[in-house]
């Protein structure tokens, strides 16, 4: 039973990557980062990205266990 492909996912992905490459080629890494950040901020996920950025910056530091962690000691597994 043969199926017909209406959409070429890999071709679509490659075309999108080629378009991005053409737009950013010759940029420094810092310019590329700024370009991508601008695209995210003004794209369809801009408000979500802004929400996540503000949410992350307000998050407290790492959680800690109530008991202190024992220092790692590899002598238990040392065959000598």
PDB file of N, CA and C in Angstrom:
ATOM      1  N   UNK A   1       0.844  -1.177   0.000  1.00  0.00           N
ATOM      2  CA  UNK A   1       0.000   0.000   0.000  1.00  0.00           C
ATOM      3  C   UNK A   1       0.900   1.254   0.000  1.00  0.00           C
ATOM      4  N   UNK A   2       0.792   2.035  -0.998  1.00  0.00           N
ATOM      5  CA  UNK A   2       1.624   3.230  -1.139  1.00  0.00           C
ATOM      6  C   UNK A   2       0.954   4.429  -0.477  1.00  0.00           C
ATOM      7  N   UNK A   3       1.796   5.254   0.085  1.00  0.00           N
ATOM      8  CA  UNK A   3       1.280   6.491   0.680  1.00  0.00           C
ATOM      9  C   UNK A   3       1.894   7.675  -0.045  1.00  0.00           C
ATOM     10  N   UNK A   4       1.188   8.757  -0.065  1.00  0.00           N
ATOM     11  CA  UNK A   4       1.720   9.972  -0.676  1.00  0.00           C
ATOM     12  C   UNK A   4       2.118  10.943   0.413  1.00  0.00           C
ATOM     13  N   UNK A   5       3.268  11.564   0.200  1.00  0.00           N
ATOM     14  CA  UNK A   5       3.740  12.559   1.159  1.00  0.00           C
ATOM     15  C   UNK A   5       3.239  13.927   0.709  1.00  0.00           C
ATOM     16  N   UNK A   6       2.504  14.579   1.600  1.00  0.00           N
ATOM     17  CA  UNK A   6       2.037  15.928   1.308  1.00  0.00           C
ATOM     18  C   UNK A   6       3.010  16.975   1.837  1.00  0.00           C
ATOM     19  N   UNK A   7       3.840  16.569   2.788  1.00  0.00           N
ATOM     20  CA  UNK A   7       4.736  17.519   3.436  1.00  0.00           C
ATOM     21  C   UNK A   7       6.076  16.853   3.680  1.00  0.00           C
ATOM     22  N   UNK A   8       7.149  17.494   3.242  1.00  0.00           N
ATOM     23  CA  UNK A   8       8.500  16.967   3.443  1.00  0.00           C
ATOM     24  C   UNK A   8       9.110  17.669   4.654  1.00  0.00           C
ATOM     25  N   UNK A   9       9.036  17.049   5.800  1.00  0.00           N
ATOM     26  CA  UNK A   9       9.513  17.637   7.056  1.00  0.00           C
ATOM     27  C   UNK A   9      11.006  17.945   6.993  1.00  0.00           C
ATOM     28  N   UNK A  10      11.798  16.996   6.525  1.00  0.00           N
ATOM     29  CA  UNK A  10      13.246  17.192   6.460  1.00  0.00           C
ATOM     30  C   UNK A  10      13.584  18.316   5.483  1.00  0.00           C
ATOM     31  N   UNK A  11      12.936  18.347   4.350  1.00  0.00           N
ATOM     32  CA  UNK A  11      13.161  19.416   3.381  1.00  0.00           C
ATOM     33  C   UNK A  11      12.797  20.776   3.947  1.00  0.00           C
ATOM     34  N   UNK A  12      11.687  20.833   4.684  1.00  0.00           N
ATOM     35  CA  UNK A  12      11.252  22.079   5.312  1.00  0.00           C
ATOM     36  C   UNK A  12      12.283  22.555   6.331  1.00  0.00           C
ATOM     37  N   UNK A  13      12.772  21.622   7.157  1.00  0.00           N
ATOM     38  CA  UNK A  13      13.779  21.952   8.172  1.00  0.00           C
ATOM     39  C   UNK A  13      15.060  22.454   7.523  1.00  0.00           C
ATOM     40  N   UNK A  14      15.500  21.760   6.498  1.00  0.00           N
ATOM     41  CA  UNK A  14      16.737  22.167   5.810  1.00  0.00           C
ATOM     42  C   UNK A  14      16.589  23.533   5.149  1.00  0.00           C
ATOM     43  N   UNK A  15      15.445  23.799   4.556  1.00  0.00           N
ATOM     44  CA  UNK A  15      15.211  25.105   3.926  1.00  0.00           C
ATOM     45  C   UNK A  15      15.225  26.215   4.973  1.00  0.00           C
ATOM     46  N   UNK A  16      14.612  25.957   6.136  1.00  0.00           N
ATOM     47  CA  UNK A  16      14.599  26.946   7.214  1.00  0.00           C
ATOM     48  C   UNK A  16      16.011  27.194   7.730  1.00  0.00           C
ATOM     49  N   UNK A  17      16.791  26.127   7.885  1.00  0.00           N
ATOM     50  CA  UNK A  17      18.166  26.275   8.351  1.00  0.00           C
ATOM     51  C   UNK A  17      19.012  27.047   7.338  1.00  0.00           C
ATOM     52  N   UNK A  18      18.799  26.789   6.060  1.00  0.00           N
ATOM     53  CA  UNK A  18      19.552  27.493   5.017  1.00  0.00           C
ATOM     54  C   UNK A  18      19.209  28.989   5.028  1.00  0.00           C
ATOM     55  N   UNK A  19      17.938  29.299   5.236  1.00  0.00           N
ATOM     56  CA  UNK A  19      17.504  30.704   5.290  1.00  0.00           C
ATOM     57  C   UNK A  19      18.165  31.416   6.485  1.00  0.00           C
ATOM     58  N   UNK A  20      18.180  30.752   7.628  1.00  0.00           N
ATOM     59  CA  UNK A  20      18.820  31.337   8.814  1.00  0.00           C
ATOM     60  C   UNK A  20      20.313  31.499   8.569  1.00  0.00           C
ATOM     61  N   UNK A  21      20.941  30.480   7.998  1.00  0.00           N
ATOM     62  CA  UNK A  21      22.378  30.556   7.724  1.00  0.00           C
ATOM     63  C   UNK A  21      22.706  31.763   6.843  1.00  0.00           C
ATOM     64  N   UNK A  22      21.914  31.965   5.801  1.00  0.00           N
ATOM     65  CA  UNK A  22      22.158  33.087   4.895  1.00  0.00           C
ATOM     66  C   UNK A  22      22.029  34.426   5.621  1.00  0.00           C
ATOM     67  N   UNK A  23      21.150  34.493   6.603  1.00  0.00           N
ATOM     68  CA  UNK A  23      20.942  35.745   7.337  1.00  0.00           C
ATOM     69  C   UNK A  23      22.032  36.011   8.371  1.00  0.00           C
ATOM     70  N   UNK A  24      22.643  34.963   8.921  1.00  0.00           N
ATOM     71  CA  UNK A  24      23.617  35.178   9.989  1.00  0.00           C
ATOM     72  C   UNK A  24      25.066  34.955   9.572  1.00  0.00           C
ATOM     73  N   UNK A  25      25.288  34.481   8.346  1.00  0.00           N
ATOM     74  CA  UNK A  25      26.683  34.220   7.951  1.00  0.00           C
ATOM     75  C   UNK A  25      27.476  35.522   7.977  1.00  0.00           C
ATOM     76  N   UNK A  26      28.684  35.410   8.478  1.00  0.00           N
ATOM     77  CA  UNK A  26      29.551  36.582   8.597  1.00  0.00           C
ATOM     78  C   UNK A  26      29.392  37.325   9.920  1.00  0.00           C
ATOM     79  N   UNK A  27      28.397  36.947  10.731  1.00  0.00           N
ATOM     80  CA  UNK A  27      28.217  37.603  12.026  1.00  0.00           C
ATOM     81  C   UNK A  27      29.183  37.007  13.041  1.00  0.00           C
ATOM     82  N   UNK A  28      29.536  37.815  14.022  1.00  0.00           N
ATOM     83  CA  UNK A  28      30.324  37.310  15.144  1.00  0.00           C
ATOM     84  C   UNK A  28      29.392  36.487  16.030  1.00  0.00           C
ATOM     85  N   UNK A  29      29.931  35.643  16.903  1.00  0.00           N
ATOM     86  CA  UNK A  29      29.060  34.899  17.824  1.00  0.00           C
ATOM     87  C   UNK A  29      28.146  35.828  18.637  1.00  0.00           C
ATOM     88  N   UNK A  30      28.658  36.963  19.095  1.00  0.00           N
ATOM     89  CA  UNK A  30      27.836  37.901  19.869  1.00  0.00           C
ATOM     90  C   UNK A  30      26.705  38.467  19.014  1.00  0.00           C
ATOM     91  N   UNK A  31      26.986  38.753  17.738  1.00  0.00           N
ATOM     92  CA  UNK A  31      25.947  39.259  16.839  1.00  0.00           C
ATOM     93  C   UNK A  31      24.891  38.196  16.565  1.00  0.00           C
ATOM     94  N   UNK A  32      25.331  36.941  16.431  1.00  0.00           N
ATOM     95  CA  UNK A  32      24.383  35.848  16.232  1.00  0.00           C
ATOM     96  C   UNK A  32      23.451  35.715  17.427  1.00  0.00           C
ATOM     97  N   UNK A  33      24.010  35.768  18.627  1.00  0.00           N
ATOM     98  CA  UNK A  33      23.190  35.670  19.842  1.00  0.00           C
ATOM     99  C   UNK A  33      22.177  36.800  19.885  1.00  0.00           C
ATOM    100  N   UNK A  34      22.605  38.013  19.592  1.00  0.00           N
ATOM    101  CA  UNK A  34      21.691  39.161  19.580  1.00  0.00           C
ATOM    102  C   UNK A  34      20.610  38.969  18.527  1.00  0.00           C
ATOM    103  N   UNK A  35      20.971  38.445  17.361  1.00  0.00           N
ATOM    104  CA  UNK A  35      20.014  38.211  16.276  1.00  0.00           C
ATOM    105  C   UNK A  35      18.949  37.207  16.712  1.00  0.00           C
ATOM    106  N   UNK A  36      19.395  36.076  17.293  1.00  0.00           N
ATOM    107  CA  UNK A  36      18.443  35.059  17.741  1.00  0.00           C
ATOM    108  C   UNK A  36      17.543  35.586  18.855  1.00  0.00           C
ATOM    109  N   UNK A  37      18.120  36.326  19.791  1.00  0.00           N
ATOM    110  CA  UNK A  37      17.305  36.889  20.881  1.00  0.00           C
ATOM    111  C   UNK A  37      16.253  37.846  20.346  1.00  0.00           C
ATOM    112  N   UNK A  38      16.626  38.649  19.344  1.00  0.00           N
ATOM    113  CA  UNK A  38      15.668  39.589  18.745  1.00  0.00           C
ATOM    114  C   UNK A  38      14.551  38.811  18.046  1.00  0.00           C
ATOM    115  N   UNK A  39      14.903  37.737  17.341  1.00  0.00           N
ATOM    116  CA  UNK A  39      13.902  36.920  16.653  1.00  0.00           C
ATOM    117  C   UNK A  39      12.938  36.280  17.647  1.00  0.00           C
ATOM    118  N   UNK A  40      13.457  35.788  18.761  1.00  0.00           N
ATOM    119  CA  UNK A  40      12.604  35.178  19.780  1.00  0.00           C
ATOM    120  C   UNK A  40      11.690  36.230  20.392  1.00  0.00           C
ATOM    121  N   UNK A  41      12.245  37.391  20.734  1.00  0.00           N
ATOM    122  CA  UNK A  41      11.461  38.442  21.388  1.00  0.00           C
ATOM    123  C   UNK A  41      10.322  38.942  20.515  1.00  0.00           C
ATOM    124  N   UNK A  42      10.530  38.966  19.196  1.00  0.00           N
ATOM    125  CA  UNK A  42       9.506  39.509  18.307  1.00  0.00           C
ATOM    126  C   UNK A  42       8.759  38.430  17.528  1.00  0.00           C
ATOM    127  N   UNK A  43       9.017  37.177  17.850  1.00  0.00           N
ATOM    128  CA  UNK A  43       8.352  36.073  17.171  1.00  0.00           C
ATOM    129  C   UNK A  43       7.091  35.637  17.913  1.00  0.00           C
ATOM    130  N   UNK A  44       6.488  34.546  17.467  1.00  0.00           N
ATOM    131  CA  UNK A  44       5.232  34.079  18.069  1.00  0.00           C
ATOM    132  C   UNK A  44       5.359  33.636  19.523  1.00  0.00           C
ATOM    133  N   UNK A  45       6.574  33.359  19.984  1.00  0.00           N
ATOM    134  CA  UNK A  45       6.771  32.922  21.364  1.00  0.00           C
ATOM    135  C   UNK A  45       7.382  34.022  22.229  1.00  0.00           C
ATOM    136  N   UNK A  46       7.361  35.252  21.757  1.00  0.00           N
ATOM    137  CA  UNK A  46       7.975  36.367  22.464  1.00  0.00           C
ATOM    138  C   UNK A  46       7.434  36.585  23.855  1.00  0.00           C
ATOM    139  N   UNK A  47       6.120  36.577  24.001  1.00  0.00           N
ATOM    140  CA  UNK A  47       5.547  36.822  25.324  1.00  0.00           C
ATOM    141  C   UNK A  47       5.855  35.670  26.274  1.00  0.00           C
ATOM    142  N   UNK A  48       5.865  34.441  25.741  1.00  0.00           N
ATOM    143  CA  UNK A  48       6.203  33.286  26.575  1.00  0.00           C
ATOM    144  C   UNK A  48       7.665  33.378  27.027  1.00  0.00           C
ATOM    145  N   UNK A  49       8.563  33.717  26.107  1.00  0.00           N
ATOM    146  CA  UNK A  49       9.986  33.817  26.443  1.00  0.00           C
ATOM    147  C   UNK A  49      10.206  34.907  27.487  1.00  0.00           C
ATOM    148  N   UNK A  50       9.503  36.018  27.342  1.00  0.00           N
ATOM    149  CA  UNK A  50       9.630  37.106  28.325  1.00  0.00           C
ATOM    150  C   UNK A  50       9.136  36.644  29.690  1.00  0.00           C
ATOM    151  N   UNK A  51       8.024  35.924  29.700  1.00  0.00           N
ATOM    152  CA  UNK A  51       7.479  35.393  30.959  1.00  0.00           C
ATOM    153  C   UNK A  51       8.472  34.428  31.606  1.00  0.00           C
ATOM    154  N   UNK A  52       9.064  33.543  30.804  1.00  0.00           N
ATOM    155  CA  UNK A  52      10.000  32.567  31.351  1.00  0.00           C
ATOM    156  C   UNK A  52      11.263  33.250  31.864  1.00  0.00           C
ATOM    157  N   UNK A  53      11.731  34.282  31.176  1.00  0.00           N
ATOM    158  CA  UNK A  53      12.926  34.994  31.607  1.00  0.00           C
ATOM    159  C   UNK A  53      12.674  35.693  32.930  1.00  0.00           C
ATOM    160  N   UNK A  54      11.531  36.350  33.056  1.00  0.00           N
ATOM    161  CA  UNK A  54      11.241  37.047  34.309  1.00  0.00           C
ATOM    162  C   UNK A  54      10.992  36.052  35.430  1.00  0.00           C
ATOM    163  N   UNK A  55      10.412  34.918  35.105  1.00  0.00           N
ATOM    164  CA  UNK A  55      10.147  33.880  36.098  1.00  0.00           C
ATOM    165  C   UNK A  55      11.458  33.283  36.599  1.00  0.00           C
ATOM    166  N   UNK A  56      12.394  33.047  35.714  1.00  0.00           N
ATOM    167  CA  UNK A  56      13.661  32.425  36.102  1.00  0.00           C
ATOM    168  C   UNK A  56      14.484  33.363  36.965  1.00  0.00           C
ATOM    169  N   UNK A  57      14.477  34.642  36.640  1.00  0.00           N
ATOM    170  CA  UNK A  57      15.295  35.570  37.417  1.00  0.00           C
ATOM    171  C   UNK A  57      14.754  35.759  38.831  1.00  0.00           C
ATOM    172  N   UNK A  58      13.466  35.482  39.034  1.00  0.00           N
ATOM    173  CA  UNK A  58      12.876  35.636  40.356  1.00  0.00           C
ATOM    174  C   UNK A  58      12.965  34.346  41.176  1.00  0.00           C
ATOM    175  N   UNK A  59      13.470  33.286  40.582  1.00  0.00           N
ATOM    176  CA  UNK A  59      13.560  31.998  41.267  1.00  0.00           C
ATOM    177  C   UNK A  59      14.693  32.031  42.280  1.00  0.00           C
ATOM    178  N   UNK A  60      14.439  31.531  43.509  1.00  0.00           N
ATOM    179  CA  UNK A  60      15.511  31.506  44.502  1.00  0.00           C
ATOM    180  C   UNK A  60      16.620  30.541  44.092  1.00  0.00           C
ATOM    181  N   UNK A  61      17.708  30.580  44.808  1.00  0.00           N
ATOM    182  CA  UNK A  61      18.869  29.737  44.530  1.00  0.00           C
ATOM    183  C   UNK A  61      18.549  28.261  44.658  1.00  0.00           C
ATOM    184  N   UNK A  62      19.573  27.418  44.596  1.00  0.00           N
ATOM    185  CA  UNK A  62      19.360  25.973  44.629  1.00  0.00           C
ATOM    186  C   UNK A  62      18.793  25.507  45.968  1.00  0.00           C
ATOM    187  N   UNK A  63      18.059  24.419  45.898  1.00  0.00           N
ATOM    188  CA  UNK A  63      17.514  23.829  47.117  1.00  0.00           C
ATOM    189  C   UNK A  63      18.608  23.024  47.810  1.00  0.00           C
ATOM    190  N   UNK A  64      18.539  22.964  49.128  1.00  0.00           N
ATOM    191  CA  UNK A  64      19.542  22.223  49.885  1.00  0.00           C
ATOM    192  C   UNK A  64      18.856  21.188  50.764  1.00  0.00           C
ATOM    193  N   UNK A  65      19.511  20.058  50.936  1.00  0.00           N
ATOM    194  CA  UNK A  65      18.997  19.019  51.823  1.00  0.00           C
ATOM    195  C   UNK A  65      19.176  19.471  53.269  1.00  0.00           C
ATOM    196  N   UNK A  66      18.376  18.923  54.170  1.00  0.00           N
ATOM    197  CA  UNK A  66      18.498  19.308  55.569  1.00  0.00           C
ATOM    198  C   UNK A  66      19.770  18.742  56.199  1.00  0.00           C
ATOM    199  N   UNK A  67      20.247  17.617  55.677  1.00  0.00           N
ATOM    200  CA  UNK A  67      21.483  17.030  56.189  1.00  0.00           C
ATOM    201  C   UNK A  67      22.634  17.398  55.265  1.00  0.00           C
ATOM    202  N   UNK A  68      23.784  17.761  55.836  1.00  0.00           N
ATOM    203  CA  UNK A  68      24.913  18.103  54.974  1.00  0.00           C
ATOM    204  C   UNK A  68      25.400  16.873  54.207  1.00  0.00           C
ATOM    205  N   UNK A  69      25.835  17.102  52.991  1.00  0.00           N
ATOM    206  CA  UNK A  69      26.332  16.009  52.158  1.00  0.00           C
ATOM    207  C   UNK A  69      27.743  15.650  52.595  1.00  0.00           C
ATOM    208  N   UNK A  70      28.014  14.341  52.680  1.00  0.00           N
ATOM    209  CA  UNK A  70      29.358  13.906  53.046  1.00  0.00           C
ATOM    210  C   UNK A  70      30.277  14.113  51.851  1.00  0.00           C
ATOM    211  N   UNK A  71      31.527  14.494  52.119  1.00  0.00           N
ATOM    212  CA  UNK A  71      32.455  14.679  51.007  1.00  0.00           C
ATOM    213  C   UNK A  71      32.695  13.367  50.274  1.00  0.00           C
ATOM    214  N   UNK A  72      32.930  13.467  48.987  1.00  0.00           N
ATOM    215  CA  UNK A  72      33.173  12.286  48.168  1.00  0.00           C
ATOM    216  C   UNK A  72      34.501  11.658  48.562  1.00  0.00           C
ATOM    217  N   UNK A  73      34.483  10.352  48.793  1.00  0.00           N
ATOM    218  CA  UNK A  73      35.695   9.636  49.177  1.00  0.00           C
ATOM    219  C   UNK A  73      35.826   8.426  48.268  1.00  0.00           C
ATOM    220  N   UNK A  74      36.793   8.464  47.374  1.00  0.00           N
ATOM    221  CA  UNK A  74      36.970   7.389  46.416  1.00  0.00           C
ATOM    222  C   UNK A  74      37.838   6.261  46.963  1.00  0.00           C
ATOM    223  N   UNK A  75      38.346   6.404  48.187  1.00  0.00           N
ATOM    224  CA  UNK A  75      39.236   5.369  48.745  1.00  0.00           C
ATOM    225  C   UNK A  75      38.488   4.050  48.955  1.00  0.00           C
ATOM    226  N   UNK A  76      37.170   4.096  49.076  1.00  0.00           N
ATOM    227  CA  UNK A  76      36.400   2.869  49.248  1.00  0.00           C
ATOM    228  C   UNK A  76      36.537   1.970  48.018  1.00  0.00           C
ATOM    229  N   UNK A  77      36.664   2.586  46.839  1.00  0.00           N
ATOM    230  CA  UNK A  77      36.744   1.821  45.583  1.00  0.00           C
ATOM    231  C   UNK A  77      38.157   1.711  45.063  1.00  0.00           C
ATOM    232  N   UNK A  78      39.123   2.212  45.809  1.00  0.00           N
ATOM    233  CA  UNK A  78      40.517   2.185  45.377  1.00  0.00           C
ATOM    234  C   UNK A  78      41.096   0.810  45.647  1.00  0.00           C
ATOM    235  N   UNK A  79      41.527   0.075  44.604  1.00  0.00           N
ATOM    236  CA  UNK A  79      42.028  -1.291  44.819  1.00  0.00           C
ATOM    237  C   UNK A  79      43.390  -1.334  45.512  1.00  0.00           C
ATOM    238  N   UNK A  80      44.131  -0.260  45.596  1.00  0.00           N
ATOM    239  CA  UNK A  80      45.476  -0.318  46.206  1.00  0.00           C
ATOM    240  C   UNK A  80      45.464  -0.232  47.695  1.00  0.00           C
TER     241      UNK A  80
END
